Protein backbone atom coordinates (compact mmCIF):
# COMPACT_ATOMS: atom_id res chain seq x y z
CA UNK A 1 0.00 0.00 0.00
CA UNK A 2 1.43 3.36 -0.97
CA UNK A 3 1.55 6.24 1.49
CA UNK A 4 -1.16 8.09 -0.45
CA UNK A 5 -3.43 5.04 -0.39
CA UNK A 6 -2.85 4.61 3.34
CA UNK A 7 -3.60 8.29 3.97
CA UNK A 8 -6.78 8.11 1.86
CA UNK A 9 -7.94 5.00 3.73
CA UNK A 10 -7.22 6.61 7.11
CA UNK A 11 -9.00 9.82 6.04
CA UNK A 12 -12.11 7.86 5.01
CA UNK A 13 -12.07 6.00 8.33
CA UNK A 14 -11.85 9.26 10.31
CA UNK A 15 -14.70 10.80 8.27
CA UNK A 16 -16.85 7.73 8.90
CA UNK A 17 -16.18 7.85 12.64
CA UNK A 18 -16.98 11.57 12.75
CA UNK A 19 -20.24 10.87 10.90
CA UNK A 20 -21.15 8.28 13.55
CA UNK A 21 -20.29 10.77 16.30
CA UNK A 22 -22.61 13.36 14.73
CA UNK A 23 -25.39 10.77 14.54
CA UNK A 24 -25.01 10.09 18.25
CA UNK A 25 -24.97 13.83 19.01
CA UNK A 26 -28.21 14.19 17.03
CA UNK A 27 -29.78 11.39 19.05
CA UNK A 28 -28.68 13.01 22.32
CA UNK A 29 -30.10 16.32 21.12
CA UNK A 30 -33.41 14.62 20.30
CA UNK A 31 -33.65 13.14 23.81
CA UNK A 32 -32.76 16.51 25.34
CA UNK A 33 -35.53 18.20 23.32
CA UNK A 34 -38.00 15.54 24.49
CA UNK A 35 -37.12 16.45 28.09
CA UNK A 36 -37.62 20.18 27.53
CA UNK A 37 -33.97 21.22 27.10
CA UNK A 38 -32.94 23.27 24.07
CA UNK A 39 -29.59 21.69 23.25
CA UNK A 40 -28.35 21.21 19.69
CA UNK A 41 -26.07 18.54 18.29
CA UNK A 42 -23.36 21.17 17.79
CA UNK A 43 -23.31 21.80 21.54
CA UNK A 44 -22.58 18.11 22.13
CA UNK A 45 -19.88 17.95 19.47
CA UNK A 46 -18.24 21.36 19.66
CA UNK A 47 -16.80 22.99 16.57
CA UNK A 48 -16.02 20.94 13.51
CA UNK A 49 -12.35 20.49 12.76
CA UNK A 50 -10.97 22.46 9.83
CA UNK A 51 -9.77 20.45 6.87
CA UNK A 52 -6.01 20.13 6.93
CA UNK A 53 -4.08 20.46 3.68
CA UNK A 54 -3.13 17.21 1.99
CA UNK A 55 0.35 16.20 3.23
CA UNK A 56 3.27 15.98 0.85
CA UNK A 57 4.61 12.67 -0.43
CA UNK A 58 7.71 13.16 1.71
CA UNK A 59 5.62 13.55 4.87
CA UNK A 60 3.52 10.49 4.02
CA UNK A 61 6.67 8.41 3.43
CA UNK A 62 8.17 9.56 6.75
CA UNK A 63 4.93 8.72 8.58
CA UNK A 64 4.84 5.27 7.00
CA UNK A 65 8.44 4.57 8.04
CA UNK A 66 7.91 5.79 11.59
CA UNK A 67 4.63 3.90 12.06
CA UNK A 68 5.40 0.59 10.39
CA UNK A 69 9.14 0.52 9.82
CA UNK A 70 8.77 0.17 6.07
CA UNK A 71 8.39 2.48 3.13
CA UNK A 72 9.75 3.45 -0.28
CA UNK A 73 12.92 5.05 1.11
CA UNK A 74 13.76 2.07 3.28
CA UNK A 75 13.14 -0.34 0.40
CA UNK A 76 15.42 1.71 -1.85
CA UNK A 77 18.19 1.67 0.80
CA UNK A 78 17.88 -2.11 1.18
CA UNK A 79 18.03 -2.58 -2.60
CA UNK A 80 21.23 -0.53 -2.76
CA UNK A 81 22.85 -2.72 -0.09
CA UNK A 82 22.22 -5.87 -2.11
PDB file of N, CA and C in Angstrom:
ATOM      1  N   UNK A   1       0.852  -1.167   0.000  1.00  0.00           N
ATOM      2  CA  UNK A   1       0.000   0.000   0.000  1.00  0.00           C
ATOM      3  C   UNK A   1       0.904   1.238   0.000  1.00  0.00           C
ATOM      4  N   UNK A   2       0.622   2.146  -0.901  1.00  0.00           N
ATOM      5  CA  UNK A   2       1.435   3.359  -0.972  1.00  0.00           C
ATOM      6  C   UNK A   2       1.031   4.318   0.146  1.00  0.00           C
ATOM      7  N   UNK A   3       1.899   5.275   0.450  1.00  0.00           N
ATOM      8  CA  UNK A   3       1.549   6.242   1.494  1.00  0.00           C
ATOM      9  C   UNK A   3       0.273   7.013   1.185  1.00  0.00           C
ATOM     10  N   UNK A   4       0.063   7.362  -0.086  1.00  0.00           N
ATOM     11  CA  UNK A   4      -1.159   8.089  -0.450  1.00  0.00           C
ATOM     12  C   UNK A   4      -2.390   7.217  -0.247  1.00  0.00           C
ATOM     13  N   UNK A   5      -2.297   5.944  -0.587  1.00  0.00           N
ATOM     14  CA  UNK A   5      -3.428   5.037  -0.387  1.00  0.00           C
ATOM     15  C   UNK A   5      -3.723   4.873   1.102  1.00  0.00           C
ATOM     16  N   UNK A   6      -2.663   4.738   1.895  1.00  0.00           N
ATOM     17  CA  UNK A   6      -2.853   4.610   3.342  1.00  0.00           C
ATOM     18  C   UNK A   6      -3.503   5.861   3.909  1.00  0.00           C
ATOM     19  N   UNK A   7      -3.036   7.033   3.486  1.00  0.00           N
ATOM     20  CA  UNK A   7      -3.600   8.286   3.972  1.00  0.00           C
ATOM     21  C   UNK A   7      -5.071   8.401   3.566  1.00  0.00           C
ATOM     22  N   UNK A   8      -5.389   8.042   2.323  1.00  0.00           N
ATOM     23  CA  UNK A   8      -6.779   8.113   1.859  1.00  0.00           C
ATOM     24  C   UNK A   8      -7.664   7.164   2.666  1.00  0.00           C
ATOM     25  N   UNK A   9      -7.173   5.971   2.940  1.00  0.00           N
ATOM     26  CA  UNK A   9      -7.936   5.004   3.731  1.00  0.00           C
ATOM     27  C   UNK A   9      -8.157   5.519   5.150  1.00  0.00           C
ATOM     28  N   UNK A  10      -7.110   6.072   5.743  1.00  0.00           N
ATOM     29  CA  UNK A  10      -7.222   6.610   7.108  1.00  0.00           C
ATOM     30  C   UNK A  10      -8.176   7.809   7.147  1.00  0.00           C
ATOM     31  N   UNK A  11      -8.119   8.652   6.118  1.00  0.00           N
ATOM     32  CA  UNK A  11      -8.999   9.817   6.039  1.00  0.00           C
ATOM     33  C   UNK A  11     -10.465   9.381   5.941  1.00  0.00           C
ATOM     34  N   UNK A  12     -10.739   8.371   5.135  1.00  0.00           N
ATOM     35  CA  UNK A  12     -12.111   7.859   5.015  1.00  0.00           C
ATOM     36  C   UNK A  12     -12.589   7.271   6.335  1.00  0.00           C
ATOM     37  N   UNK A  13     -11.710   6.582   7.037  1.00  0.00           N
ATOM     38  CA  UNK A  13     -12.069   6.005   8.334  1.00  0.00           C
ATOM     39  C   UNK A  13     -12.419   7.106   9.328  1.00  0.00           C
ATOM     40  N   UNK A  14     -11.585   8.161   9.385  1.00  0.00           N
ATOM     41  CA  UNK A  14     -11.846   9.261  10.314  1.00  0.00           C
ATOM     42  C   UNK A  14     -13.153   9.969   9.978  1.00  0.00           C
ATOM     43  N   UNK A  15     -13.439  10.163   8.675  1.00  0.00           N
ATOM     44  CA  UNK A  15     -14.698  10.802   8.269  1.00  0.00           C
ATOM     45  C   UNK A  15     -15.889   9.942   8.670  1.00  0.00           C
ATOM     46  N   UNK A  16     -15.764   8.638   8.517  1.00  0.00           N
ATOM     47  CA  UNK A  16     -16.849   7.727   8.902  1.00  0.00           C
ATOM     48  C   UNK A  16     -17.097   7.786  10.406  1.00  0.00           C
ATOM     49  N   UNK A  17     -16.025   7.788  11.185  1.00  0.00           N
ATOM     50  CA  UNK A  17     -16.177   7.845  12.641  1.00  0.00           C
ATOM     51  C   UNK A  17     -16.779   9.183  13.073  1.00  0.00           C
ATOM     52  N   UNK A  18     -16.400  10.270  12.422  1.00  0.00           N
ATOM     53  CA  UNK A  18     -16.980  11.570  12.746  1.00  0.00           C
ATOM     54  C   UNK A  18     -18.465  11.585  12.402  1.00  0.00           C
ATOM     55  N   UNK A  19     -18.820  10.967  11.286  1.00  0.00           N
ATOM     56  CA  UNK A  19     -20.236  10.867  10.899  1.00  0.00           C
ATOM     57  C   UNK A  19     -21.031  10.122  11.973  1.00  0.00           C
ATOM     58  N   UNK A  20     -20.474   9.031  12.487  1.00  0.00           N
ATOM     59  CA  UNK A  20     -21.154   8.285  13.549  1.00  0.00           C
ATOM     60  C   UNK A  20     -21.268   9.116  14.824  1.00  0.00           C
ATOM     61  N   UNK A  21     -20.239   9.896  15.131  1.00  0.00           N
ATOM     62  CA  UNK A  21     -20.290  10.775  16.299  1.00  0.00           C
ATOM     63  C   UNK A  21     -21.397  11.813  16.158  1.00  0.00           C
ATOM     64  N   UNK A  22     -21.545  12.380  14.951  1.00  0.00           N
ATOM     65  CA  UNK A  22     -22.608  13.364  14.726  1.00  0.00           C
ATOM     66  C   UNK A  22     -23.979  12.717  14.826  1.00  0.00           C
ATOM     67  N   UNK A  23     -24.110  11.473  14.384  1.00  0.00           N
ATOM     68  CA  UNK A  23     -25.392  10.775  14.535  1.00  0.00           C
ATOM     69  C   UNK A  23     -25.732  10.618  16.012  1.00  0.00           C
ATOM     70  N   UNK A  24     -24.773  10.247  16.821  1.00  0.00           N
ATOM     71  CA  UNK A  24     -25.010  10.088  18.252  1.00  0.00           C
ATOM     72  C   UNK A  24     -25.341  11.433  18.894  1.00  0.00           C
ATOM     73  N   UNK A  25     -24.669  12.493  18.474  1.00  0.00           N
ATOM     74  CA  UNK A  25     -24.968  13.828  19.006  1.00  0.00           C
ATOM     75  C   UNK A  25     -26.389  14.242  18.636  1.00  0.00           C
ATOM     76  N   UNK A  26     -26.829  13.897  17.438  1.00  0.00           N
ATOM     77  CA  UNK A  26     -28.208  14.193  17.032  1.00  0.00           C
ATOM     78  C   UNK A  26     -29.205  13.441  17.886  1.00  0.00           C
ATOM     79  N   UNK A  27     -28.899  12.194  18.195  1.00  0.00           N
ATOM     80  CA  UNK A  27     -29.782  11.393  19.050  1.00  0.00           C
ATOM     81  C   UNK A  27     -29.841  11.970  20.460  1.00  0.00           C
ATOM     82  N   UNK A  28     -28.699  12.381  20.995  1.00  0.00           N
ATOM     83  CA  UNK A  28     -28.679  13.010  22.323  1.00  0.00           C
ATOM     84  C   UNK A  28     -29.483  14.302  22.318  1.00  0.00           C
ATOM     85  N   UNK A  29     -29.353  15.079  21.243  1.00  0.00           N
ATOM     86  CA  UNK A  29     -30.100  16.319  21.122  1.00  0.00           C
ATOM     87  C   UNK A  29     -31.600  16.041  21.078  1.00  0.00           C
ATOM     88  N   UNK A  30     -31.998  15.005  20.379  1.00  0.00           N
ATOM     89  CA  UNK A  30     -33.407  14.620  20.300  1.00  0.00           C
ATOM     90  C   UNK A  30     -33.955  14.288  21.689  1.00  0.00           C
ATOM     91  N   UNK A  31     -33.212  13.491  22.450  1.00  0.00           N
ATOM     92  CA  UNK A  31     -33.651  13.144  23.808  1.00  0.00           C
ATOM     93  C   UNK A  31     -33.706  14.375  24.710  1.00  0.00           C
ATOM     94  N   UNK A  32     -32.754  15.277  24.543  1.00  0.00           N
ATOM     95  CA  UNK A  32     -32.758  16.506  25.341  1.00  0.00           C
ATOM     96  C   UNK A  32     -33.992  17.353  25.015  1.00  0.00           C
ATOM     97  N   UNK A  33     -34.350  17.444  23.727  1.00  0.00           N
ATOM     98  CA  UNK A  33     -35.535  18.201  23.323  1.00  0.00           C
ATOM     99  C   UNK A  33     -36.798  17.563  23.891  1.00  0.00           C
ATOM    100  N   UNK A  34     -36.835  16.239  23.927  1.00  0.00           N
ATOM    101  CA  UNK A  34     -38.001  15.537  24.487  1.00  0.00           C
ATOM    102  C   UNK A  34     -38.171  15.839  25.978  1.00  0.00           C
ATOM    103  N   UNK A  35     -37.078  16.143  26.663  1.00  0.00           N
ATOM    104  CA  UNK A  35     -37.120  16.448  28.090  1.00  0.00           C
ATOM    105  C   UNK A  35     -37.153  17.946  28.368  1.00  0.00           C
ATOM    106  N   UNK A  36     -37.426  18.747  27.335  1.00  0.00           N
ATOM    107  CA  UNK A  36     -37.615  20.178  27.526  1.00  0.00           C
ATOM    108  C   UNK A  36     -36.357  21.018  27.503  1.00  0.00           C
ATOM    109  N   UNK A  37     -35.214  20.449  27.172  1.00  0.00           N
ATOM    110  CA  UNK A  37     -33.972  21.222  27.100  1.00  0.00           C
ATOM    111  C   UNK A  37     -33.703  21.598  25.648  1.00  0.00           C
ATOM    112  N   UNK A  38     -33.243  22.796  25.434  1.00  0.00           N
ATOM    113  CA  UNK A  38     -32.945  23.265  24.075  1.00  0.00           C
ATOM    114  C   UNK A  38     -31.453  23.148  23.817  1.00  0.00           C
ATOM    115  N   UNK A  39     -30.998  21.950  23.517  1.00  0.00           N
ATOM    116  CA  UNK A  39     -29.587  21.685  23.248  1.00  0.00           C
ATOM    117  C   UNK A  39     -29.463  21.137  21.824  1.00  0.00           C
ATOM    118  N   UNK A  40     -28.536  21.668  21.067  1.00  0.00           N
ATOM    119  CA  UNK A  40     -28.346  21.214  19.691  1.00  0.00           C
ATOM    120  C   UNK A  40     -27.214  20.184  19.620  1.00  0.00           C
ATOM    121  N   UNK A  41     -27.139  19.521  18.486  1.00  0.00           N
ATOM    122  CA  UNK A  41     -26.066  18.535  18.286  1.00  0.00           C
ATOM    123  C   UNK A  41     -24.695  19.204  18.307  1.00  0.00           C
ATOM    124  N   UNK A  42     -24.633  20.450  17.806  1.00  0.00           N
ATOM    125  CA  UNK A  42     -23.359  21.173  17.793  1.00  0.00           C
ATOM    126  C   UNK A  42     -22.837  21.404  19.208  1.00  0.00           C
ATOM    127  N   UNK A  43     -23.747  21.589  20.165  1.00  0.00           N
ATOM    128  CA  UNK A  43     -23.310  21.801  21.542  1.00  0.00           C
ATOM    129  C   UNK A  43     -22.718  20.527  22.140  1.00  0.00           C
ATOM    130  N   UNK A  44     -23.172  19.368  21.673  1.00  0.00           N
ATOM    131  CA  UNK A  44     -22.582  18.111  22.133  1.00  0.00           C
ATOM    132  C   UNK A  44     -21.225  17.866  21.480  1.00  0.00           C
ATOM    133  N   UNK A  45     -21.086  18.265  20.228  1.00  0.00           N
ATOM    134  CA  UNK A  45     -19.877  17.953  19.470  1.00  0.00           C
ATOM    135  C   UNK A  45     -18.816  19.045  19.517  1.00  0.00           C
ATOM    136  N   UNK A  46     -19.210  20.270  19.739  1.00  0.00           N
ATOM    137  CA  UNK A  46     -18.244  21.363  19.659  1.00  0.00           C
ATOM    138  C   UNK A  46     -18.072  21.781  18.212  1.00  0.00           C
ATOM    139  N   UNK A  47     -17.028  22.519  17.929  1.00  0.00           N
ATOM    140  CA  UNK A  47     -16.796  22.995  16.571  1.00  0.00           C
ATOM    141  C   UNK A  47     -16.226  21.881  15.714  1.00  0.00           C
ATOM    142  N   UNK A  48     -16.592  21.907  14.444  1.00  0.00           N
ATOM    143  CA  UNK A  48     -16.023  20.940  13.506  1.00  0.00           C
ATOM    144  C   UNK A  48     -14.572  21.303  13.229  1.00  0.00           C
ATOM    145  N   UNK A  49     -13.765  20.280  13.059  1.00  0.00           N
ATOM    146  CA  UNK A  49     -12.347  20.486  12.763  1.00  0.00           C
ATOM    147  C   UNK A  49     -12.201  21.023  11.341  1.00  0.00           C
ATOM    148  N   UNK A  50     -11.242  21.929  11.165  1.00  0.00           N
ATOM    149  CA  UNK A  50     -10.969  22.455   9.835  1.00  0.00           C
ATOM    150  C   UNK A  50     -10.230  21.395   9.029  1.00  0.00           C
ATOM    151  N   UNK A  51     -10.474  21.391   7.739  1.00  0.00           N
ATOM    152  CA  UNK A  51      -9.771  20.450   6.869  1.00  0.00           C
ATOM    153  C   UNK A  51      -8.304  20.845   6.781  1.00  0.00           C
ATOM    154  N   UNK A  52      -7.447  19.887   7.024  1.00  0.00           N
ATOM    155  CA  UNK A  52      -6.009  20.129   6.932  1.00  0.00           C
ATOM    156  C   UNK A  52      -5.584  19.940   5.481  1.00  0.00           C
ATOM    157  N   UNK A  53      -4.555  20.654   5.051  1.00  0.00           N
ATOM    158  CA  UNK A  53      -4.081  20.459   3.680  1.00  0.00           C
ATOM    159  C   UNK A  53      -3.518  19.047   3.501  1.00  0.00           C
ATOM    160  N   UNK A  54      -3.622  18.550   2.293  1.00  0.00           N
ATOM    161  CA  UNK A  54      -3.127  17.214   1.990  1.00  0.00           C
ATOM    162  C   UNK A  54      -1.618  17.190   2.188  1.00  0.00           C
ATOM    163  N   UNK A  55      -1.098  16.230   2.967  1.00  0.00           N
ATOM    164  CA  UNK A  55       0.346  16.201   3.231  1.00  0.00           C
ATOM    165  C   UNK A  55       1.148  15.852   1.979  1.00  0.00           C
ATOM    166  N   UNK A  56       2.392  16.262   1.988  1.00  0.00           N
ATOM    167  CA  UNK A  56       3.272  15.984   0.853  1.00  0.00           C
ATOM    168  C   UNK A  56       3.652  14.502   0.838  1.00  0.00           C
ATOM    169  N   UNK A  57       4.157  14.061  -0.300  1.00  0.00           N
ATOM    170  CA  UNK A  57       4.609  12.672  -0.427  1.00  0.00           C
ATOM    171  C   UNK A  57       5.719  12.368   0.562  1.00  0.00           C
ATOM    172  N   UNK A  58       6.590  13.345   0.769  1.00  0.00           N
ATOM    173  CA  UNK A  58       7.707  13.161   1.705  1.00  0.00           C
ATOM    174  C   UNK A  58       7.177  12.917   3.124  1.00  0.00           C
ATOM    175  N   UNK A  59       6.181  13.714   3.536  1.00  0.00           N
ATOM    176  CA  UNK A  59       5.619  13.553   4.870  1.00  0.00           C
ATOM    177  C   UNK A  59       4.918  12.202   5.008  1.00  0.00           C
ATOM    178  N   UNK A  60       4.197  11.787   3.976  1.00  0.00           N
ATOM    179  CA  UNK A  60       3.523  10.486   4.017  1.00  0.00           C
ATOM    180  C   UNK A  60       4.531   9.344   4.118  1.00  0.00           C
ATOM    181  N   UNK A  61       5.633   9.448   3.374  1.00  0.00           N
ATOM    182  CA  UNK A  61       6.671   8.412   3.433  1.00  0.00           C
ATOM    183  C   UNK A  61       7.312   8.357   4.818  1.00  0.00           C
ATOM    184  N   UNK A  62       7.579   9.523   5.397  1.00  0.00           N
ATOM    185  CA  UNK A  62       8.167   9.563   6.747  1.00  0.00           C
ATOM    186  C   UNK A  62       7.210   8.965   7.777  1.00  0.00           C
ATOM    187  N   UNK A  63       5.928   9.282   7.659  1.00  0.00           N
ATOM    188  CA  UNK A  63       4.932   8.723   8.583  1.00  0.00           C
ATOM    189  C   UNK A  63       4.863   7.208   8.457  1.00  0.00           C
ATOM    190  N   UNK A  64       4.911   6.708   7.230  1.00  0.00           N
ATOM    191  CA  UNK A  64       4.840   5.269   7.004  1.00  0.00           C
ATOM    192  C   UNK A  64       6.047   4.569   7.618  1.00  0.00           C
ATOM    193  N   UNK A  65       7.228   5.165   7.452  1.00  0.00           N
ATOM    194  CA  UNK A  65       8.435   4.573   8.038  1.00  0.00           C
ATOM    195  C   UNK A  65       8.395   4.596   9.554  1.00  0.00           C
ATOM    196  N   UNK A  66       7.925   5.707  10.130  1.00  0.00           N
ATOM    197  CA  UNK A  66       7.912   5.794  11.590  1.00  0.00           C
ATOM    198  C   UNK A  66       6.836   4.902  12.206  1.00  0.00           C
ATOM    199  N   UNK A  67       5.715   4.729  11.515  1.00  0.00           N
ATOM    200  CA  UNK A  67       4.633   3.903  12.057  1.00  0.00           C
ATOM    201  C   UNK A  67       4.890   2.411  11.897  1.00  0.00           C
ATOM    202  N   UNK A  68       5.318   2.007  10.702  1.00  0.00           N
ATOM    203  CA  UNK A  68       5.398   0.585  10.388  1.00  0.00           C
ATOM    204  C   UNK A  68       6.799   0.065  10.132  1.00  0.00           C
ATOM    205  N   UNK A  69       7.768   0.957  10.052  1.00  0.00           N
ATOM    206  CA  UNK A  69       9.141   0.521   9.822  1.00  0.00           C
ATOM    207  C   UNK A  69       9.406   0.086   8.396  1.00  0.00           C
ATOM    208  N   UNK A  70       8.556   0.506   7.479  1.00  0.00           N
ATOM    209  CA  UNK A  70       8.770   0.174   6.071  1.00  0.00           C
ATOM    210  C   UNK A  70       8.363   1.385   5.241  1.00  0.00           C
ATOM    211  N   UNK A  71       8.751   1.374   4.004  1.00  0.00           N
ATOM    212  CA  UNK A  71       8.388   2.481   3.128  1.00  0.00           C
ATOM    213  C   UNK A  71       9.279   2.507   1.911  1.00  0.00           C
ATOM    214  N   UNK A  72       8.977   3.397   0.959  1.00  0.00           N
ATOM    215  CA  UNK A  72       9.752   3.455  -0.280  1.00  0.00           C
ATOM    216  C   UNK A  72      11.228   3.779  -0.062  1.00  0.00           C
ATOM    217  N   UNK A  73      11.524   4.686   0.865  1.00  0.00           N
ATOM    218  CA  UNK A  73      12.921   5.055   1.106  1.00  0.00           C
ATOM    219  C   UNK A  73      13.702   3.885   1.694  1.00  0.00           C
ATOM    220  N   UNK A  74      13.087   3.191   2.635  1.00  0.00           N
ATOM    221  CA  UNK A  74      13.760   2.067   3.277  1.00  0.00           C
ATOM    222  C   UNK A  74      13.979   0.931   2.275  1.00  0.00           C
ATOM    223  N   UNK A  75      13.003   0.696   1.417  1.00  0.00           N
ATOM    224  CA  UNK A  75      13.138  -0.345   0.400  1.00  0.00           C
ATOM    225  C   UNK A  75      14.255   0.002  -0.582  1.00  0.00           C
ATOM    226  N   UNK A  76      14.359   1.283  -0.939  1.00  0.00           N
ATOM    227  CA  UNK A  76      15.425   1.711  -1.855  1.00  0.00           C
ATOM    228  C   UNK A  76      16.793   1.529  -1.205  1.00  0.00           C
ATOM    229  N   UNK A  77      16.910   1.840   0.090  1.00  0.00           N
ATOM    230  CA  UNK A  77      18.186   1.674   0.803  1.00  0.00           C
ATOM    231  C   UNK A  77      18.572   0.209   0.860  1.00  0.00           C
ATOM    232  N   UNK A  78      17.598  -0.676   1.111  1.00  0.00           N
ATOM    233  CA  UNK A  78      17.881  -2.108   1.180  1.00  0.00           C
ATOM    234  C   UNK A  78      18.287  -2.654  -0.181  1.00  0.00           C
ATOM    235  N   UNK A  79      17.681  -2.144  -1.247  1.00  0.00           N
ATOM    236  CA  UNK A  79      18.034  -2.579  -2.600  1.00  0.00           C
ATOM    237  C   UNK A  79      19.456  -2.163  -2.956  1.00  0.00           C
ATOM    238  N   UNK A  80      19.865  -0.993  -2.487  1.00  0.00           N
ATOM    239  CA  UNK A  80      21.234  -0.528  -2.760  1.00  0.00           C
ATOM    240  C   UNK A  80      22.271  -1.411  -2.032  1.00  0.00           C
ATOM    241  N   UNK A  81      21.934  -1.887  -0.858  1.00  0.00           N
ATOM    242  CA  UNK A  81      22.851  -2.725  -0.086  1.00  0.00           C
ATOM    243  C   UNK A  81      23.102  -4.058  -0.772  1.00  0.00           C
ATOM    244  N   UNK A  82      22.086  -4.551  -1.456  1.00  0.00           N
ATOM    245  CA  UNK A  82      22.219  -5.872  -2.107  1.00  0.00           C
ATOM    246  C   UNK A  82      22.926  -5.730  -3.386  1.00  0.00           C
TER     247      UNK A  82
END
